[in-house]
N, C-alpha and C. Protein backbone atom coordinates (compact mmCIF):
# COMPACT_ATOMS: atom_id res chain seq x y z
N MET A 1 0.85 -1.23 -0.01
CA MET A 1 -0.17 0.01 -0.23
C MET A 1 1.08 1.40 -0.05
N SER A 2 0.60 2.40 -0.61
CA SER A 2 1.20 3.44 -0.88
C SER A 2 0.18 4.79 -0.04
N HIS A 3 0.84 5.23 0.47
CA HIS A 3 0.29 6.45 1.25
C HIS A 3 0.18 7.77 0.44
N ALA A 4 -0.92 7.89 0.33
CA ALA A 4 -1.51 9.24 -0.74
C ALA A 4 -1.61 10.33 0.15
N GLY A 5 -1.06 10.91 1.02
CA GLY A 5 -0.96 11.97 1.72
C GLY A 5 -1.78 11.95 3.25
N PRO A 6 -1.43 12.95 3.44
CA PRO A 6 -2.45 13.16 5.15
C PRO A 6 -3.75 13.09 5.09
N SER A 7 -4.21 12.67 5.89
CA SER A 7 -6.18 12.30 6.05
C SER A 7 -6.70 13.16 6.55
N ARG A 8 -7.94 13.50 6.05
CA ARG A 8 -8.70 14.58 6.25
C ARG A 8 -9.78 14.17 7.64
N GLN A 9 -9.59 13.16 8.24
CA GLN A 9 -10.50 12.57 9.27
C GLN A 9 -10.27 13.16 10.38
N GLY A 10 -9.23 13.86 10.54
CA GLY A 10 -9.04 14.58 11.89
C GLY A 10 -9.63 15.65 12.04
N ASN A 11 -9.02 16.78 12.88
CA ASN A 11 -9.78 17.93 13.13
C ASN A 11 -9.86 18.77 12.09
N THR A 12 -11.00 19.32 11.86
CA THR A 12 -11.44 20.23 10.65
C THR A 12 -10.94 21.81 11.07
N HIS A 13 -10.81 22.15 12.44
CA HIS A 13 -10.19 23.37 12.50
C HIS A 13 -8.71 23.61 12.13
N THR A 14 -8.43 24.73 11.94
CA THR A 14 -7.13 25.10 11.92
C THR A 14 -6.80 25.55 13.16
N VAL A 15 -5.46 25.87 13.29
CA VAL A 15 -4.78 26.14 14.71
C VAL A 15 -5.50 27.44 15.15
N ASN A 16 -5.62 28.46 14.16
CA ASN A 16 -6.17 29.49 14.75
C ASN A 16 -7.66 29.63 14.77
N GLY A 17 -8.48 28.42 14.85
CA GLY A 17 -9.68 28.34 14.83
C GLY A 17 -10.58 28.84 13.81
N ASP A 18 -10.10 29.04 12.56
CA ASP A 18 -10.86 29.02 11.43
C ASP A 18 -11.17 27.66 11.05
N TYR A 19 -12.41 27.45 10.20
CA TYR A 19 -12.97 26.54 9.85
C TYR A 19 -12.13 25.85 8.53
N ASP A 20 -11.94 24.59 8.23
CA ASP A 20 -11.05 24.23 6.99
C ASP A 20 -11.79 24.51 5.80
N SER A 21 -13.09 24.29 5.70
CA SER A 21 -13.66 24.58 4.59
C SER A 21 -14.70 25.54 4.69
N GLU A 22 -15.73 26.08 3.81
CA GLU A 22 -16.70 26.98 3.95
C GLU A 22 -17.82 26.19 4.15
N ASP A 23 -18.01 25.17 3.31
CA ASP A 23 -19.09 23.84 3.66
C ASP A 23 -19.90 23.83 5.25
N ASP A 24 -18.47 23.62 6.01
CA ASP A 24 -18.70 23.16 7.25
C ASP A 24 -19.22 24.58 8.00
N PHE A 25 -18.86 25.56 7.70
CA PHE A 25 -19.40 26.92 8.20
C PHE A 25 -20.94 27.18 8.03
N VAL A 26 -21.11 26.91 6.47
CA VAL A 26 -22.33 27.18 6.02
C VAL A 26 -23.63 26.14 6.58
N LEU A 27 -22.74 24.77 6.85
CA LEU A 27 -23.94 23.59 7.81
C LEU A 27 -24.17 24.28 8.82
N GLY A 28 -23.36 24.62 9.78
CA GLY A 28 -23.36 25.13 10.96
C GLY A 28 -24.43 26.13 11.04
N ALA A 29 -24.06 27.09 10.40
CA ALA A 29 -24.82 28.23 10.47
C ALA A 29 -26.24 28.11 9.98
N ALA A 30 -26.55 27.12 9.02
CA ALA A 30 -27.69 26.74 8.68
C ALA A 30 -28.52 26.15 9.93
N ALA A 31 -27.86 25.03 10.51
CA ALA A 31 -28.44 24.53 11.72
C ALA A 31 -28.60 25.31 12.92
N VAL A 32 -27.92 25.98 13.03
CA VAL A 32 -28.36 27.11 14.24
C VAL A 32 -29.67 27.88 13.89
N TRP A 33 -29.38 28.45 12.58
CA TRP A 33 -30.72 29.22 12.13
C TRP A 33 -31.96 28.88 12.19
N LEU A 34 -31.83 26.90 11.63
CA LEU A 34 -33.31 26.69 11.79
C LEU A 34 -33.77 26.47 12.96
N CYS A 35 -32.52 25.75 14.25
CA CYS A 35 -33.02 25.65 15.52
C CYS A 35 -33.85 26.93 16.29
N CYS A 36 -33.10 27.82 16.00
CA CYS A 36 -33.65 29.40 16.40
C CYS A 36 -34.75 29.74 16.15
N ASN A 37 -34.75 29.66 14.45
CA ASN A 37 -36.28 29.91 13.63
C ASN A 37 -37.62 29.13 14.41
N ASP A 38 -36.96 28.07 14.20
CA ASP A 38 -38.19 27.00 14.67
C ASP A 38 -38.87 27.26 16.39
N PHE A 39 -37.55 27.55 17.07
CA PHE A 39 -38.20 28.05 18.42
C PHE A 39 -38.64 29.64 18.54
N LEU A 40 -38.46 30.38 17.67
CA LEU A 40 -39.07 31.68 17.77
C LEU A 40 -40.17 31.87 17.14
N GLU A 41 -40.73 30.96 16.36
CA GLU A 41 -41.70 30.63 15.52
C GLU A 41 -43.13 29.92 16.35
N ARG A 42 -42.37 28.99 17.32
CA ARG A 42 -43.42 28.22 18.07
C ARG A 42 -44.27 29.11 18.73
N PRO A 43 -45.56 28.87 18.61
CA PRO A 43 -46.69 29.89 19.63
C PRO A 43 -46.66 29.44 21.15
N LEU A 44 -46.51 30.42 21.98
CA LEU A 44 -46.52 29.96 23.17
C LEU A 44 -47.72 29.03 23.90
N PRO A 45 -47.47 28.51 25.02
CA PRO A 45 -48.13 27.24 25.41
C PRO A 45 -48.90 27.89 26.17
N ARG A 46 -50.52 27.64 26.06
CA ARG A 46 -51.81 28.23 26.17
C ARG A 46 -51.88 27.14 27.71
N PRO A 47 -52.05 27.89 29.07
CA PRO A 47 -52.88 26.67 30.32
C PRO A 47 -53.95 25.93 29.74
N ARG A 48 -54.08 24.69 30.30
CA ARG A 48 -55.36 24.06 29.87
C ARG A 48 -56.39 24.24 30.69
N ASN A 49 -55.97 24.31 32.16
CA ASN A 49 -56.93 24.56 33.52
C ASN A 49 -56.90 25.98 33.35
N ASN A 50 -57.69 26.87 32.80
CA ASN A 50 -57.51 28.19 33.21
C ASN A 50 -58.92 28.84 33.21
N SER A 51 -60.12 27.91 33.65
CA SER A 51 -61.23 28.44 33.97
C SER A 51 -61.17 29.27 35.51
N HIS A 52 -62.25 30.32 35.53
CA HIS A 52 -62.02 31.20 36.40
C HIS A 52 -62.99 30.54 37.77
N TYR A 53 -63.50 29.28 37.39
CA TYR A 53 -64.44 28.96 38.55
C TYR A 53 -63.64 27.24 39.00
N THR A 54 -62.95 28.04 40.07
CA THR A 54 -61.96 26.95 40.67
C THR A 54 -62.71 25.51 41.27
N GLY A 55 -62.06 24.51 41.99
CA GLY A 55 -62.68 23.40 42.22
C GLY A 55 -63.06 23.98 43.78
N HIS A 56 -62.56 24.67 44.14
CA HIS A 56 -62.82 25.41 45.63
C HIS A 56 -64.09 25.87 45.63
N GLN A 57 -64.59 26.28 44.46
CA GLN A 57 -65.70 27.29 44.17
C GLN A 57 -66.91 26.00 43.76
N ARG A 58 -66.34 24.98 42.95
CA ARG A 58 -67.49 24.21 42.34
C ARG A 58 -67.80 23.36 43.99
N LEU A 59 -67.04 23.19 44.66
CA LEU A 59 -67.24 22.28 45.96
C LEU A 59 -68.22 23.13 46.54
N GLY A 60 -67.99 24.51 46.93
CA GLY A 60 -68.89 25.31 47.76
C GLY A 60 -70.61 25.34 47.36
N ASP A 61 -70.79 25.39 45.74
CA ASP A 61 -72.01 25.47 45.17
C ASP A 61 -72.48 23.84 45.49
N LEU A 62 -72.14 22.74 45.26
CA LEU A 62 -72.29 21.53 45.67
C LEU A 62 -72.97 21.47 47.22
N LEU A 63 -71.90 21.83 48.34
CA LEU A 63 -72.35 21.66 49.25
C LEU A 63 -73.52 22.74 49.84
N ASP A 64 -73.44 23.92 49.33
CA ASP A 64 -74.58 24.69 49.38
C ASP A 64 -75.71 24.86 49.02
N GLY A 65 -75.89 23.89 47.77
CA GLY A 65 -77.17 24.17 46.65
C GLY A 65 -77.80 22.77 47.20
N HIS A 66 -78.96 22.68 46.29
CA HIS A 66 -79.95 21.66 46.55
C HIS A 66 -79.39 20.52 46.78
N GLU A 67 -80.01 19.54 47.69
CA GLU A 67 -79.87 18.64 48.21
C GLU A 67 -79.84 17.40 47.09
N LEU A 68 -80.86 17.67 46.06
CA LEU A 68 -80.62 16.28 45.14
C LEU A 68 -79.52 16.08 44.26
N VAL A 69 -79.05 17.83 44.00
CA VAL A 69 -77.90 17.78 42.90
C VAL A 69 -76.95 17.19 43.67
N ILE A 70 -76.43 17.36 44.76
CA ILE A 70 -75.25 16.48 45.36
C ILE A 70 -75.77 15.00 45.43
N TYR A 71 -76.87 14.81 45.77
CA TYR A 71 -76.84 13.46 45.86
C TYR A 71 -76.86 12.73 44.18
N ASN A 72 -77.15 13.33 43.56
CA ASN A 72 -77.13 12.93 42.09
C ASN A 72 -75.75 12.72 41.67
N LYS A 73 -74.94 13.61 41.97
CA LYS A 73 -73.59 13.64 41.66
C LYS A 73 -72.55 12.78 42.54
N ILE A 74 -72.85 12.40 43.99
CA ILE A 74 -72.13 11.57 44.40
C ILE A 74 -72.88 10.55 45.49
N ARG A 75 -74.16 10.46 45.02
CA ARG A 75 -75.06 9.17 45.71
C ARG A 75 -75.10 9.65 47.25
N MET A 76 -74.87 10.63 47.86
CA MET A 76 -75.12 11.04 49.45
C MET A 76 -75.10 12.34 49.72
N GLY A 77 -76.14 12.47 50.56
CA GLY A 77 -76.36 13.85 50.95
C GLY A 77 -75.21 14.84 51.76
N THR A 78 -75.65 16.00 51.74
CA THR A 78 -74.42 17.06 52.31
C THR A 78 -74.11 16.37 53.65
N ASP A 79 -74.99 16.00 54.59
CA ASP A 79 -74.54 15.82 56.00
C ASP A 79 -74.19 14.72 56.05
N CYS A 80 -74.31 13.45 55.16
CA CYS A 80 -73.49 12.47 55.04
C CYS A 80 -72.06 12.56 54.45
N PHE A 81 -71.58 13.54 53.93
CA PHE A 81 -70.62 13.73 53.09
C PHE A 81 -70.18 14.74 54.09
N LYS A 82 -70.34 15.28 55.12
CA LYS A 82 -69.90 16.02 55.96
C LYS A 82 -69.23 15.29 56.93
N ARG A 83 -69.77 14.40 57.19
CA ARG A 83 -69.39 13.18 58.68
C ARG A 83 -68.69 12.44 58.13
N LEU A 84 -68.46 12.08 56.73
CA LEU A 84 -67.59 11.28 56.45
C LEU A 84 -66.04 11.76 56.48
N SER A 85 -66.28 13.07 55.55
CA SER A 85 -65.22 14.09 55.91
C SER A 85 -64.61 14.28 56.93
N TRP A 86 -65.58 14.76 58.03
CA TRP A 86 -64.99 14.83 59.51
C TRP A 86 -64.37 13.43 59.87
N LEU A 87 -64.86 12.59 59.55
CA LEU A 87 -64.30 11.19 60.11
C LEU A 87 -62.96 10.93 59.59
N LEU A 88 -62.73 10.96 58.30
CA LEU A 88 -61.37 10.83 57.57
C LEU A 88 -60.08 11.62 58.32
N GLU A 89 -60.79 12.80 58.61
CA GLU A 89 -60.01 13.99 58.81
C GLU A 89 -59.53 13.92 60.53
N GLN A 90 -60.38 13.43 61.55
CA GLN A 90 -60.19 12.96 62.91
C GLN A 90 -59.15 11.87 62.87
N LYS A 91 -59.65 10.95 61.99
CA LYS A 91 -58.82 9.64 61.98
C LYS A 91 -57.37 9.84 61.46
N ASN A 92 -56.91 11.04 61.19
CA ASN A 92 -55.71 11.48 60.41
C ASN A 92 -55.62 10.62 59.32
N LEU A 93 -56.72 10.33 58.32
CA LEU A 93 -56.19 9.83 57.35
C LEU A 93 -56.46 10.62 55.99
N LEU A 94 -56.64 11.52 56.26
CA LEU A 94 -56.62 12.47 54.99
C LEU A 94 -56.28 13.82 55.76
N LYS A 95 -55.72 14.69 55.36
CA LYS A 95 -55.24 15.73 55.40
C LYS A 95 -55.10 17.17 54.56
N ASN A 96 -55.55 18.49 55.07
CA ASN A 96 -55.50 19.45 54.05
C ASN A 96 -54.09 19.52 53.69
N THR A 97 -53.76 19.93 52.39
CA THR A 97 -52.59 20.28 51.46
C THR A 97 -52.78 21.83 50.88
N ARG A 98 -51.40 22.05 50.32
CA ARG A 98 -51.49 23.17 49.88
C ARG A 98 -52.41 23.37 48.42
N ASN A 99 -52.36 22.27 48.04
CA ASN A 99 -53.76 21.85 46.59
C ASN A 99 -55.23 21.84 46.98
N MET A 100 -55.30 21.12 47.69
CA MET A 100 -56.91 21.24 48.32
C MET A 100 -57.15 20.60 49.59
N ASN A 101 -58.07 21.14 49.91
CA ASN A 101 -58.88 20.58 51.54
C ASN A 101 -59.52 19.37 51.12
N VAL A 102 -59.65 19.05 52.64
CA VAL A 102 -60.05 17.10 52.55
C VAL A 102 -61.53 17.26 51.98
N ASP A 103 -62.41 18.29 52.31
CA ASP A 103 -63.53 18.09 51.15
C ASP A 103 -63.45 17.93 49.90
N GLU A 104 -62.59 18.72 49.40
CA GLU A 104 -62.21 18.83 47.85
C GLU A 104 -61.78 17.37 47.43
N GLN A 105 -60.70 16.59 48.23
CA GLN A 105 -60.31 15.65 47.97
C GLN A 105 -60.95 14.55 47.99
N LEU A 106 -61.92 14.46 48.75
CA LEU A 106 -63.19 13.28 48.86
C LEU A 106 -64.37 13.53 47.73
N MET A 107 -64.63 14.94 47.51
CA MET A 107 -65.58 15.12 46.22
C MET A 107 -65.10 14.64 45.08
N ILE A 108 -63.85 14.93 44.87
CA ILE A 108 -63.52 14.37 43.77
C ILE A 108 -63.19 13.00 43.64
N PHE A 109 -63.15 12.13 44.54
CA PHE A 109 -62.66 10.81 44.59
C PHE A 109 -64.43 10.16 44.27
N LEU A 110 -65.30 10.84 45.06
CA LEU A 110 -66.49 10.24 45.33
C LEU A 110 -67.18 10.49 44.07
N THR A 111 -67.08 11.59 43.05
CA THR A 111 -67.31 12.04 41.86
C THR A 111 -66.86 10.95 40.78
N ILE A 112 -65.90 10.68 40.88
CA ILE A 112 -64.96 9.40 39.89
C ILE A 112 -65.57 8.53 40.20
N VAL A 113 -65.72 8.04 41.25
CA VAL A 113 -66.10 6.64 41.39
C VAL A 113 -67.77 6.50 41.36
N CYS A 114 -68.89 7.38 41.59
CA CYS A 114 -70.15 7.38 41.15
C CYS A 114 -70.48 7.89 40.00
N GLN A 115 -69.76 8.77 39.35
CA GLN A 115 -70.41 9.23 37.92
C GLN A 115 -69.57 8.31 37.05
N SER A 116 -68.20 7.44 37.18
CA SER A 116 -67.57 6.78 36.46
C SER A 116 -66.82 7.86 35.36
N GLU A 117 -66.31 8.92 35.87
CA GLU A 117 -65.70 9.85 35.08
C GLU A 117 -63.99 9.95 34.80
N SER A 118 -63.82 10.12 33.77
CA SER A 118 -62.56 9.78 33.16
C SER A 118 -61.57 11.00 34.15
N ASN A 119 -60.38 10.68 34.00
CA ASN A 119 -59.32 11.59 34.75
C ASN A 119 -59.66 13.21 33.89
N ARG A 120 -59.52 12.95 32.69
CA ARG A 120 -59.64 14.10 31.77
C ARG A 120 -60.79 15.01 31.97
N GLU A 121 -62.13 14.28 32.34
CA GLU A 121 -63.10 14.97 32.87
C GLU A 121 -62.92 15.85 33.95
N THR A 122 -62.53 14.82 34.49
CA THR A 122 -62.49 15.49 36.32
C THR A 122 -61.13 16.75 36.17
N GLN A 123 -60.10 16.59 35.44
CA GLN A 123 -59.11 17.54 35.33
C GLN A 123 -60.23 18.98 35.03
N HIS A 124 -60.73 18.93 33.88
CA HIS A 124 -61.68 19.99 33.62
C HIS A 124 -62.61 21.03 34.62
N GLN A 125 -63.19 19.63 35.31
CA GLN A 125 -64.27 19.97 36.31
C GLN A 125 -63.94 20.73 37.51
N TRP A 126 -62.39 20.26 37.73
CA TRP A 126 -61.95 20.51 39.28
C TRP A 126 -60.87 21.62 38.98
N GLN A 127 -60.03 21.83 37.75
CA GLN A 127 -58.91 22.54 37.07
C GLN A 127 -57.93 22.30 38.19
N HIS A 128 -57.76 20.85 38.05
CA HIS A 128 -56.22 20.28 38.32
C HIS A 128 -55.56 19.25 37.43
N SER A 129 -54.35 19.33 37.47
CA SER A 129 -53.80 18.64 36.69
C SER A 129 -54.14 16.75 36.60
N GLY A 130 -53.95 16.40 35.48
CA GLY A 130 -54.32 14.70 35.82
C GLY A 130 -53.15 14.05 36.57
N ALA A 131 -52.00 14.25 36.98
CA ALA A 131 -51.15 13.80 38.01
C ALA A 131 -51.82 14.21 39.57
N THR A 132 -52.22 15.21 39.59
CA THR A 132 -52.86 15.76 41.04
C THR A 132 -54.12 14.71 41.24
N ILE A 133 -55.19 14.84 39.94
CA ILE A 133 -56.37 14.15 40.25
C ILE A 133 -55.94 12.72 40.68
N SER A 134 -55.16 11.67 39.83
CA SER A 134 -54.43 10.60 40.26
C SER A 134 -54.24 10.42 41.77
N LYS A 135 -53.23 11.19 41.90
CA LYS A 135 -52.55 11.26 43.60
C LYS A 135 -53.64 11.67 44.42
N TYR A 136 -54.34 12.37 44.27
CA TYR A 136 -55.27 12.40 45.39
C TYR A 136 -56.44 11.70 45.20
N PHE A 137 -56.90 10.48 44.33
CA PHE A 137 -57.50 9.61 44.09
C PHE A 137 -57.24 8.25 44.75
N MET A 138 -56.01 8.07 44.80
CA MET A 138 -55.12 7.14 45.36
C MET A 138 -55.16 7.31 46.90
N ILE A 139 -55.10 8.42 47.30
CA ILE A 139 -54.68 8.82 48.82
C ILE A 139 -56.08 8.79 49.27
N VAL A 140 -57.24 8.90 49.19
CA VAL A 140 -58.59 9.09 49.51
C VAL A 140 -58.90 7.53 49.39
N LEU A 141 -58.68 6.88 48.24
CA LEU A 141 -58.79 5.20 48.35
C LEU A 141 -58.25 4.53 49.53
N ASN A 142 -57.04 4.99 49.85
CA ASN A 142 -56.22 4.29 50.60
C ASN A 142 -56.93 4.69 52.03
N ALA A 143 -57.37 5.48 52.12
CA ALA A 143 -57.96 6.29 53.47
C ALA A 143 -58.96 5.38 53.68
N ILE A 144 -60.00 5.41 52.83
CA ILE A 144 -61.58 4.96 52.62
C ILE A 144 -61.13 3.22 53.28
N TYR A 145 -59.92 2.66 52.50
CA TYR A 145 -59.98 1.23 52.70
C TYR A 145 -59.47 0.95 54.16
N ARG A 146 -58.73 1.94 54.71
CA ARG A 146 -58.37 1.81 56.30
C ARG A 146 -59.34 2.30 57.07
N LEU A 147 -60.66 2.58 56.74
CA LEU A 147 -61.93 2.22 57.35
C LEU A 147 -62.34 1.33 57.41
N ARG A 148 -62.25 0.01 56.77
CA ARG A 148 -62.87 -0.85 56.70
C ARG A 148 -63.05 -1.88 57.77
N HIS A 149 -62.18 -1.91 58.83
CA HIS A 149 -62.37 -2.41 60.34
C HIS A 149 -63.38 -1.87 61.08
N ASP A 150 -63.73 -0.50 60.83
CA ASP A 150 -64.39 0.56 61.88
C ASP A 150 -66.06 -0.12 61.19
N PHE A 151 -66.24 -0.02 59.54
CA PHE A 151 -67.71 -0.64 59.42
C PHE A 151 -68.15 -2.13 59.05
N ILE A 152 -67.24 -2.69 58.62
CA ILE A 152 -67.34 -4.14 58.14
C ILE A 152 -67.17 -5.12 59.14
N VAL A 153 -68.29 -5.58 59.88
CA VAL A 153 -68.09 -6.47 60.91
C VAL A 153 -68.63 -7.87 60.59
N PRO A 154 -67.36 -8.90 60.84
CA PRO A 154 -67.86 -10.45 60.29
C PRO A 154 -69.16 -10.88 60.94
N PRO A 155 -69.66 -11.44 60.42
CA PRO A 155 -71.16 -12.03 61.16
C PRO A 155 -70.80 -12.83 62.39
N ASP A 156 -71.49 -13.10 63.24
CA ASP A 156 -71.58 -14.31 64.48
C ASP A 156 -72.09 -15.45 63.65
N PHE A 157 -71.32 -16.40 63.64
CA PHE A 157 -72.07 -17.75 62.83
C PHE A 157 -72.57 -18.51 64.18
N ASN A 158 -72.74 -18.28 65.31
CA ASN A 158 -73.40 -18.91 66.06
C ASN A 158 -74.82 -18.72 66.43
N THR A 159 -75.05 -17.38 66.04
CA THR A 159 -76.63 -17.13 65.78
C THR A 159 -77.25 -16.85 64.73
N ILE A 160 -78.59 -17.16 64.84
CA ILE A 160 -79.25 -17.19 63.45
C ILE A 160 -79.79 -16.03 63.40
N ASP A 161 -80.13 -15.69 62.44
CA ASP A 161 -80.83 -14.12 61.88
C ASP A 161 -82.13 -13.99 62.59
N PRO A 162 -82.81 -12.92 62.93
CA PRO A 162 -83.92 -13.14 63.33
C PRO A 162 -84.96 -13.35 62.24
N PHE A 163 -84.94 -12.98 61.27
CA PHE A 163 -85.48 -12.99 60.03
C PHE A 163 -85.94 -14.73 59.62
N ILE A 164 -84.76 -15.28 59.78
CA ILE A 164 -84.62 -16.49 59.24
C ILE A 164 -85.31 -17.13 60.23
N GLU A 165 -85.05 -16.90 61.74
CA GLU A 165 -85.81 -17.70 63.12
C GLU A 165 -87.28 -17.57 62.77
N ALA A 166 -87.85 -16.13 62.43
CA ALA A 166 -89.25 -16.14 62.26
C ALA A 166 -90.04 -16.89 61.42
N SER A 167 -89.13 -17.00 60.00
CA SER A 167 -89.80 -17.79 59.13
C SER A 167 -90.28 -19.24 59.45
N GLY A 168 -89.86 -19.48 60.46
CA GLY A 168 -90.16 -21.18 60.64
C GLY A 168 -89.47 -21.90 60.10
N SER A 169 -89.99 -23.21 59.28
CA SER A 169 -88.92 -24.14 58.95
C SER A 169 -88.72 -23.89 57.48
N LYS A 170 -88.94 -22.68 56.85
CA LYS A 170 -88.60 -22.73 55.43
C LYS A 170 -87.00 -22.88 55.10
N TYR A 171 -86.52 -22.09 55.95
CA TYR A 171 -85.25 -21.57 55.96
C TYR A 171 -84.20 -22.46 56.99
N ARG A 172 -84.90 -23.23 57.61
CA ARG A 172 -84.37 -23.92 59.01
C ARG A 172 -83.46 -24.94 58.29
N PRO A 173 -83.44 -25.75 57.68
CA PRO A 173 -82.78 -26.64 57.04
C PRO A 173 -81.18 -26.47 56.92
N TRP A 174 -81.30 -25.00 56.17
CA TRP A 174 -80.18 -24.29 55.47
C TRP A 174 -79.34 -24.32 56.79
N PHE A 175 -79.81 -23.86 57.81
CA PHE A 175 -78.64 -23.40 58.85
C PHE A 175 -78.55 -24.21 59.90
N ASP A 176 -79.17 -25.42 59.92
CA ASP A 176 -78.67 -26.21 60.88
C ASP A 176 -78.01 -27.20 60.66
N VAL A 177 -76.78 -26.54 60.85
CA VAL A 177 -75.69 -27.73 60.32
C VAL A 177 -74.70 -28.02 61.90
N SER A 178 -73.69 -28.86 61.45
CA SER A 178 -73.08 -29.19 62.71
C SER A 178 -71.92 -28.25 62.91
N GLN A 179 -71.23 -28.22 64.09
CA GLN A 179 -70.39 -27.22 64.25
C GLN A 179 -68.89 -27.28 63.53
N CYS A 180 -68.64 -28.38 62.89
CA CYS A 180 -67.61 -28.46 61.90
C CYS A 180 -67.86 -27.88 60.74
N THR A 181 -69.25 -27.70 60.37
CA THR A 181 -69.26 -27.20 59.11
C THR A 181 -69.34 -25.67 59.31
N ILE A 182 -69.83 -25.29 60.90
CA ILE A 182 -69.58 -23.70 60.80
C ILE A 182 -68.04 -23.39 61.01
N LEU A 183 -67.15 -24.14 61.54
CA LEU A 183 -65.85 -23.62 61.32
C LEU A 183 -65.37 -23.73 59.89
N LEU A 184 -66.11 -24.51 59.25
CA LEU A 184 -65.49 -24.70 57.59
C LEU A 184 -65.86 -23.55 57.11
N VAL A 185 -67.23 -23.07 57.23
CA VAL A 185 -67.61 -21.76 56.39
C VAL A 185 -66.71 -20.78 57.01
N TYR A 186 -66.63 -20.56 58.54
CA TYR A 186 -65.83 -19.43 59.22
C TYR A 186 -64.49 -19.20 58.44
N SER A 187 -63.71 -20.54 58.28
CA SER A 187 -62.54 -20.37 57.75
C SER A 187 -62.06 -19.87 56.19
N PHE A 188 -63.30 -20.73 55.13
CA PHE A 188 -63.44 -19.82 54.25
C PHE A 188 -63.73 -18.56 53.93
N ALA A 189 -64.53 -17.69 54.81
CA ALA A 189 -64.90 -16.84 54.93
C ALA A 189 -63.97 -15.80 55.01
N TYR A 190 -62.75 -16.03 55.51
CA TYR A 190 -61.65 -14.88 55.89
C TYR A 190 -60.40 -15.40 55.54
N VAL A 191 -60.27 -16.39 54.55
CA VAL A 191 -59.34 -16.35 53.75
C VAL A 191 -58.85 -15.49 52.76
N ARG A 192 -57.61 -14.85 52.94
CA ARG A 192 -57.48 -13.68 51.81
C ARG A 192 -56.57 -13.76 50.81
């Protein structure tokens, strides 16, 4: 093999900082111009949640409004909603935050559950981002889950329901079982 001369694969700049060829300079200038031009011509982003009717105002309208409106929205009345909110706050399961108070967190959760609303629709109604809606939905869901032992009590399998007892012999054969069967049913009821 013969050597044909110096290779141009190395540095394209000369010692004094000038470009070796004008083509490299033109390509660099064109790239800078395209990037700057694209950036300058891009429209400014518009905020999506820009309603003057905030989530806190919506909550106030629902709580102070007609009883049927809130009942149709969250399937409970104002008094029941306030008691549930108070209970969650007293047990330190929910706390007021910089973004939302306890009532608004609970109302968003109940609206999503009762109305089968999507995250996007909830964002628009309550003027919060999708991440905020998801975050507080999970916080309230965990708080409600922690109330399970206060409201869900396992039945006493040693007593017979008074309705069944009063109905006579119609249902009695289904409940006259041995102690072994009662223990078996009890063990299957609490398998997690």
